[in-house]
PDB file of N, CA and C in Angstrom:
ATOM      1  N   MET A   1      63.435 102.490 180.860  1.00  0.00           N
ATOM      2  CA  MET A   1      64.610 102.977 180.027  1.00  0.00           C
ATOM      3  C   MET A   1      64.259 104.052 179.201  1.00  0.00           C
ATOM      4  N   LYS A   2      65.021 105.100 179.181  1.00  0.00           N
ATOM      5  CA  LYS A   2      64.886 106.332 178.515  1.00  0.00           C
ATOM      6  C   LYS A   2      64.969 106.132 176.989  1.00  0.00           C
ATOM      7  N   GLU A   3      64.270 106.913 176.262  1.00  0.00           N
ATOM      8  CA  GLU A   3      64.431 106.837 174.735  1.00  0.00           C
ATOM      9  C   GLU A   3      65.848 107.447 174.258  1.00  0.00           C
ATOM     10  N   ALA A   4      66.454 106.736 173.290  1.00  0.00           N
ATOM     11  CA  ALA A   4      67.763 107.291 172.871  1.00  0.00           C
ATOM     12  C   ALA A   4      67.523 108.681 172.247  1.00  0.00           C
ATOM     13  N   MET A   5      68.439 109.533 172.462  1.00  0.00           N
ATOM     14  CA  MET A   5      68.533 110.924 171.889  1.00  0.00           C
ATOM     15  C   MET A   5      68.922 110.801 170.459  1.00  0.00           C
ATOM     16  N   GLU A   6      68.276 111.451 169.564  1.00  0.00           N
ATOM     17  CA  GLU A   6      68.695 111.535 168.201  1.00  0.00           C
ATOM     18  C   GLU A   6      68.795 113.010 167.679  1.00  0.00           C
ATOM     19  N   TRP A   7      69.598 113.269 166.711  1.00  0.00           N
ATOM     20  CA  TRP A   7      69.657 114.461 166.087  1.00  0.00           C
ATOM     21  C   TRP A   7      68.425 114.791 165.253  1.00  0.00           C
ATOM     22  N   ILE A   8      67.945 116.090 165.319  1.00  0.00           N
ATOM     23  CA  ILE A   8      66.820 116.520 164.580  1.00  0.00           C
ATOM     24  C   ILE A   8      67.303 117.555 163.606  1.00  0.00           C
ATOM     25  N   SER A   9      67.002 117.616 162.369  1.00  0.00           N
ATOM     26  CA  SER A   9      67.326 118.488 161.386  1.00  0.00           C
ATOM     27  C   SER A   9      66.624 119.842 161.591  1.00  0.00           C
ATOM     28  N   VAL A  10      67.414 120.904 161.416  1.00  0.00           N
ATOM     29  CA  VAL A  10      66.633 122.167 161.462  1.00  0.00           C
ATOM     30  C   VAL A  10      65.701 122.375 160.333  1.00  0.00           C
ATOM     31  N   LYS A  11      65.850 121.578 159.254  1.00  0.00           N
ATOM     32  CA  LYS A  11      64.999 121.592 157.996  1.00  0.00           C
ATOM     33  C   LYS A  11      63.589 120.883 158.414  1.00  0.00           C
ATOM     34  N   ASP A  12      63.687 120.076 159.445  1.00  0.00           N
ATOM     35  CA  ASP A  12      62.459 119.248 159.821  1.00  0.00           C
ATOM     36  C   ASP A  12      61.678 120.109 160.892  1.00  0.00           C
ATOM     37  N   ARG A  13      62.297 120.703 161.916  1.00  0.00           N
ATOM     38  CA  ARG A  13      61.557 121.518 162.937  1.00  0.00           C
ATOM     39  C   ARG A  13      62.660 122.160 163.834  1.00  0.00           C
ATOM     40  N   PHE A  14      62.167 123.070 164.613  1.00  0.00           N
ATOM     41  CA  PHE A  14      62.989 123.735 165.652  1.00  0.00           C
ATOM     42  C   PHE A  14      62.294 123.368 167.010  1.00  0.00           C
ATOM     43  N   PRO A  15      63.011 123.472 168.137  1.00  0.00           N
ATOM     44  CA  PRO A  15      62.582 123.265 169.354  1.00  0.00           C
ATOM     45  C   PRO A  15      61.254 124.020 169.784  1.00  0.00           C
ATOM     46  N   ILE A  16      60.366 123.404 170.509  1.00  0.00           N
ATOM     47  CA  ILE A  16      59.273 124.089 171.035  1.00  0.00           C
ATOM     48  C   ILE A  16      59.460 124.963 172.052  1.00  0.00           C
ATOM     49  N   LYS A  17      60.349 124.470 173.041  1.00  0.00           N
ATOM     50  CA  LYS A  17      60.718 125.286 174.201  1.00  0.00           C
ATOM     51  C   LYS A  17      61.743 126.172 173.869  1.00  0.00           C
ATOM     52  N   LYS A  18      61.441 127.460 174.147  1.00  0.00           N
ATOM     53  CA  LYS A  18      62.408 128.487 174.031  1.00  0.00           C
ATOM     54  C   LYS A  18      63.115 128.985 175.284  1.00  0.00           C
ATOM     55  N   SER A  19      64.034 129.913 175.148  1.00  0.00           N
ATOM     56  CA  SER A  19      64.872 130.363 176.216  1.00  0.00           C
ATOM     57  C   SER A  19      65.568 129.156 177.012  1.00  0.00           C
ATOM     58  N   ARG A  20      66.185 128.213 176.107  1.00  0.00           N
ATOM     59  CA  ARG A  20      66.738 126.980 176.677  1.00  0.00           C
ATOM     60  C   ARG A  20      67.990 126.613 175.859  1.00  0.00           C
ATOM     61  N   ALA A  21      68.915 125.984 176.519  1.00  0.00           N
ATOM     62  CA  ALA A  21      70.033 125.498 175.844  1.00  0.00           C
ATOM     63  C   ALA A  21      69.881 124.077 175.134  1.00  0.00           C
ATOM     64  N   TYR A  22      70.483 123.898 174.054  1.00  0.00           N
ATOM     65  CA  TYR A  22      70.441 122.712 173.239  1.00  0.00           C
ATOM     66  C   TYR A  22      71.841 122.378 172.749  1.00  0.00           C
ATOM     67  N   LEU A  23      72.116 121.079 172.425  1.00  0.00           N
ATOM     68  CA  LEU A  23      73.215 120.651 171.726  1.00  0.00           C
ATOM     69  C   LEU A  23      73.038 120.843 170.392  1.00  0.00           C
ATOM     70  N   VAL A  24      73.830 121.387 169.574  1.00  0.00           N
ATOM     71  CA  VAL A  24      73.711 121.659 168.131  1.00  0.00           C
ATOM     72  C   VAL A  24      75.017 121.139 167.377  1.00  0.00           C
ATOM     73  N   TYR A  25      74.675 120.819 166.141  1.00  0.00           N
ATOM     74  CA  TYR A  25      75.652 120.309 165.349  1.00  0.00           C
ATOM     75  C   TYR A  25      75.898 121.311 164.097  1.00  0.00           C
ATOM     76  N   ILE A  26      77.283 121.784 163.907  1.00  0.00           N
ATOM     77  CA  ILE A  26      77.413 122.771 162.894  1.00  0.00           C
ATOM     78  C   ILE A  26      78.202 122.065 161.751  1.00  0.00           C
ATOM     79  N   GLY A  27      77.457 122.124 160.603  1.00  0.00           N
ATOM     80  CA  GLY A  27      77.981 121.459 159.478  1.00  0.00           C
ATOM     81  C   GLY A  27      79.255 122.075 158.884  1.00  0.00           C
ATOM     82  N   GLY A  28      80.048 121.359 158.092  1.00  0.00           N
ATOM     83  CA  GLY A  28      81.202 121.843 157.473  1.00  0.00           C
ATOM     84  C   GLY A  28      82.573 121.530 158.101  1.00  0.00           C
ATOM     85  N   TYR A  29      82.620 120.826 159.259  1.00  0.00           N
ATOM     86  CA  TYR A  29      83.807 120.444 159.912  1.00  0.00           C
ATOM     87  C   TYR A  29      84.289 119.165 159.403  1.00  0.00           C
ATOM     88  N   SER A  30      85.609 118.901 159.178  1.00  0.00           N
ATOM     89  CA  SER A  30      86.063 117.661 158.798  1.00  0.00           C
ATOM     90  C   SER A  30      86.112 116.679 159.988  1.00  0.00           C
ATOM     91  N   ASP A  31      86.234 117.130 161.208  1.00  0.00           N
ATOM     92  CA  ASP A  31      86.164 116.249 162.357  1.00  0.00           C
ATOM     93  C   ASP A  31      84.882 116.486 163.131  1.00  0.00           C
ATOM     94  N   SER A  32      83.980 115.647 163.069  1.00  0.00           N
ATOM     95  CA  SER A  32      82.598 115.830 163.714  1.00  0.00           C
ATOM     96  C   SER A  32      82.619 116.158 165.076  1.00  0.00           C
ATOM     97  N   SER A  33      83.731 115.707 165.873  1.00  0.00           N
ATOM     98  CA  SER A  33      83.722 115.958 167.295  1.00  0.00           C
ATOM     99  C   SER A  33      83.905 117.532 167.515  1.00  0.00           C
ATOM    100  N   ASP A  34      84.501 118.233 166.558  1.00  0.00           N
ATOM    101  CA  ASP A  34      84.579 119.687 166.600  1.00  0.00           C
ATOM    102  C   ASP A  34      83.402 120.477 166.332  1.00  0.00           C
ATOM    103  N   ALA A  35      82.473 119.827 165.819  1.00  0.00           N
ATOM    104  CA  ALA A  35      81.099 120.407 165.247  1.00  0.00           C
ATOM    105  C   ALA A  35      80.065 120.586 166.226  1.00  0.00           C
ATOM    106  N   CYS A  36      80.196 120.022 167.512  1.00  0.00           N
ATOM    107  CA  CYS A  36      79.210 119.984 168.486  1.00  0.00           C
ATOM    108  C   CYS A  36      79.432 121.242 169.453  1.00  0.00           C
ATOM    109  N   GLU A  37      78.346 122.075 169.719  1.00  0.00           N
ATOM    110  CA  GLU A  37      78.409 123.162 170.634  1.00  0.00           C
ATOM    111  C   GLU A  37      76.998 123.083 171.334  1.00  0.00           C
ATOM    112  N   ILE A  38      77.074 123.958 172.366  1.00  0.00           N
ATOM    113  CA  ILE A  38      75.921 124.236 173.240  1.00  0.00           C
ATOM    114  C   ILE A  38      75.327 125.570 172.641  1.00  0.00           C
ATOM    115  N   ALA A  39      74.124 125.616 172.414  1.00  0.00           N
ATOM    116  CA  ALA A  39      73.515 126.939 171.806  1.00  0.00           C
ATOM    117  C   ALA A  39      72.188 127.175 172.572  1.00  0.00           C
ATOM    118  N   TRP A  40      71.902 128.366 172.650  1.00  0.00           N
ATOM    119  CA  TRP A  40      70.665 128.862 173.273  1.00  0.00           C
ATOM    120  C   TRP A  40      69.568 129.141 172.160  1.00  0.00           C
ATOM    121  N   PHE A  41      68.358 128.565 172.332  1.00  0.00           N
ATOM    122  CA  PHE A  41      67.279 128.778 171.360  1.00  0.00           C
ATOM    123  C   PHE A  41      66.391 129.864 171.971  1.00  0.00           C
ATOM    124  N   ASP A  42      66.156 130.903 171.177  1.00  0.00           N
ATOM    125  CA  ASP A  42      65.298 131.972 171.585  1.00  0.00           C
ATOM    126  C   ASP A  42      64.864 132.788 170.321  1.00  0.00           C
ATOM    127  N   ASP A  43      63.754 133.341 170.327  1.00  0.00           N
ATOM    128  CA  ASP A  43      63.275 134.288 169.116  1.00  0.00           C
ATOM    129  C   ASP A  43      63.410 133.434 167.772  1.00  0.00           C
ATOM    130  N   ASP A  44      63.092 132.104 167.911  1.00  0.00           N
ATOM    131  CA  ASP A  44      62.988 131.259 166.733  1.00  0.00           C
ATOM    132  C   ASP A  44      64.264 131.025 166.083  1.00  0.00           C
ATOM    133  N   LYS A  45      65.519 131.138 166.762  1.00  0.00           N
ATOM    134  CA  LYS A  45      66.854 130.904 166.172  1.00  0.00           C
ATOM    135  C   LYS A  45      67.715 130.409 167.346  1.00  0.00           C
ATOM    136  N   PHE A  46      68.752 129.707 166.881  1.00  0.00           N
ATOM    137  CA  PHE A  46      69.927 129.197 167.643  1.00  0.00           C
ATOM    138  C   PHE A  46      70.892 130.370 167.897  1.00  0.00           C
ATOM    139  N   LEU A  47      71.398 130.584 168.970  1.00  0.00           N
ATOM    140  CA  LEU A  47      72.370 131.621 169.328  1.00  0.00           C
ATOM    141  C   LEU A  47      73.545 130.908 169.955  1.00  0.00           C
ATOM    142  N   LEU A  48      74.824 131.121 169.404  1.00  0.00           N
ATOM    143  CA  LEU A  48      76.123 130.628 169.954  1.00  0.00           C
ATOM    144  C   LEU A  48      76.805 131.863 170.603  1.00  0.00           C
ATOM    145  N   ASN A  49      77.119 131.593 171.872  1.00  0.00           N
ATOM    146  CA  ASN A  49      77.837 132.606 172.655  1.00  0.00           C
ATOM    147  C   ASN A  49      79.249 132.783 172.152  1.00  0.00           C
ATOM    148  N   GLN A  50      80.046 131.762 171.911  1.00  0.00           N
ATOM    149  CA  GLN A  50      81.387 131.711 171.548  1.00  0.00           C
ATOM    150  C   GLN A  50      81.604 132.130 170.077  1.00  0.00           C
ATOM    151  N   TYR A  51      80.803 131.544 169.319  1.00  0.00           N
ATOM    152  CA  TYR A  51      81.084 131.661 167.725  1.00  0.00           C
ATOM    153  C   TYR A  51      79.824 132.096 166.998  1.00  0.00           C
ATOM    154  N   PRO A  52      79.293 133.196 167.217  1.00  0.00           N
ATOM    155  CA  PRO A  52      78.055 133.675 166.594  1.00  0.00           C
ATOM    156  C   PRO A  52      78.111 133.631 165.079  1.00  0.00           C
ATOM    157  N   GLU A  53      79.388 133.745 164.535  1.00  0.00           N
ATOM    158  CA  GLU A  53      79.463 133.709 163.040  1.00  0.00           C
ATOM    159  C   GLU A  53      79.180 132.277 162.417  1.00  0.00           C
ATOM    160  N   LEU A  54      79.061 131.275 163.222  1.00  0.00           N
ATOM    161  CA  LEU A  54      78.703 129.945 162.941  1.00  0.00           C
ATOM    162  C   LEU A  54      77.323 129.645 162.955  1.00  0.00           C
ATOM    163  N   GLU A  55      76.465 130.441 163.420  1.00  0.00           N
ATOM    164  CA  GLU A  55      75.068 130.165 163.722  1.00  0.00           C
ATOM    165  C   GLU A  55      74.323 129.719 162.335  1.00  0.00           C
ATOM    166  N   ASP A  56      74.681 130.306 161.267  1.00  0.00           N
ATOM    167  CA  ASP A  56      74.018 129.937 159.974  1.00  0.00           C
ATOM    168  C   ASP A  56      74.348 128.521 159.598  1.00  0.00           C
ATOM    169  N   GLY A  57      75.392 127.967 160.186  1.00  0.00           N
ATOM    170  CA  GLY A  57      75.921 126.673 159.954  1.00  0.00           C
ATOM    171  C   GLY A  57      75.338 125.501 160.649  1.00  0.00           C
ATOM    172  N   ILE A  58      74.424 125.906 161.596  1.00  0.00           N
ATOM    173  CA  ILE A  58      73.664 124.837 162.396  1.00  0.00           C
ATOM    174  C   ILE A  58      72.767 124.027 161.553  1.00  0.00           C
ATOM    175  N   THR A  59      73.029 122.722 161.559  1.00  0.00           N
ATOM    176  CA  THR A  59      72.172 121.908 160.733  1.00  0.00           C
ATOM    177  C   THR A  59      71.210 120.972 161.513  1.00  0.00           C
ATOM    178  N   HIS A  60      71.793 120.648 162.732  1.00  0.00           N
ATOM    179  CA  HIS A  60      70.892 119.732 163.587  1.00  0.00           C
ATOM    180  C   HIS A  60      70.988 120.133 165.043  1.00  0.00           C
ATOM    181  N   TRP A  61      70.010 119.612 165.859  1.00  0.00           N
ATOM    182  CA  TRP A  61      70.056 119.923 167.203  1.00  0.00           C
ATOM    183  C   TRP A  61      69.360 118.745 168.095  1.00  0.00           C
ATOM    184  N   MET A  62      69.643 118.720 169.297  1.00  0.00           N
ATOM    185  CA  MET A  62      68.943 117.789 170.234  1.00  0.00           C
ATOM    186  C   MET A  62      68.879 118.307 171.681  1.00  0.00           C
ATOM    187  N   PRO A  63      67.965 117.837 172.484  1.00  0.00           N
ATOM    188  CA  PRO A  63      67.883 118.391 173.747  1.00  0.00           C
ATOM    189  C   PRO A  63      69.141 117.972 174.533  1.00  0.00           C
ATOM    190  N   LEU A  64      69.601 118.724 175.610  1.00  0.00           N
ATOM    191  CA  LEU A  64      70.694 118.311 176.455  1.00  0.00           C
ATOM    192  C   LEU A  64      70.057 117.065 177.319  1.00  0.00           C
ATOM    193  N   PRO A  65      71.034 116.109 177.563  1.00  0.00           N
ATOM    194  CA  PRO A  65      70.674 115.050 178.580  1.00  0.00           C
ATOM    195  C   PRO A  65      70.345 115.529 179.947  1.00  0.00           C
ATOM    196  N   GLU A  66      69.590 114.758 180.686  1.00  0.00           N
ATOM    197  CA  GLU A  66      69.314 115.022 181.988  1.00  0.00           C
ATOM    198  C   GLU A  66      70.599 114.969 182.947  1.00  0.00           C
ATOM    199  N   PRO A  67      70.836 115.907 183.882  1.00  0.00           N
ATOM    200  CA  PRO A  67      71.881 115.825 184.785  1.00  0.00           C
ATOM    201  C   PRO A  67      71.779 114.565 185.563  1.00  0.00           C
ATOM    202  N   PRO A  68      73.081 114.073 186.131  1.00  0.00           N
ATOM    203  CA  PRO A  68      73.265 112.891 186.790  1.00  0.00           C
ATOM    204  C   PRO A  68      72.321 113.070 188.162  1.00  0.00           C
ATOM    205  N   ASN A  69      71.917 111.789 188.582  1.00  0.00           N
ATOM    206  CA  ASN A  69      71.101 111.774 189.820  1.00  0.00           C
ATOM    207  C   ASN A  69      71.974 111.562 191.029  1.00  0.00           C
ATOM    208  N   GLN A  70      72.702 112.566 191.484  1.00  0.00           N
ATOM    209  CA  GLN A  70      73.518 112.487 192.696  1.00  0.00           C
ATOM    210  C   GLN A  70      73.323 113.672 193.652  1.00  0.00           C
TER     211      GLN A  70
END
């Protein structure tokens, strides 16, 4: 059984693997389902394609899950 995925605070650490997509949480939303986006991590920062103005609001991240086995 795989380990459960948990949010990692950007205050604690950033991903080791660069040039990769991650799930990020952007603070400040009243509805937490609106606060999740896919971001690219490179050059020691997260980059959002659709909403680059929200990059400073990223508070947590986690690796994307593995794709289905089909």
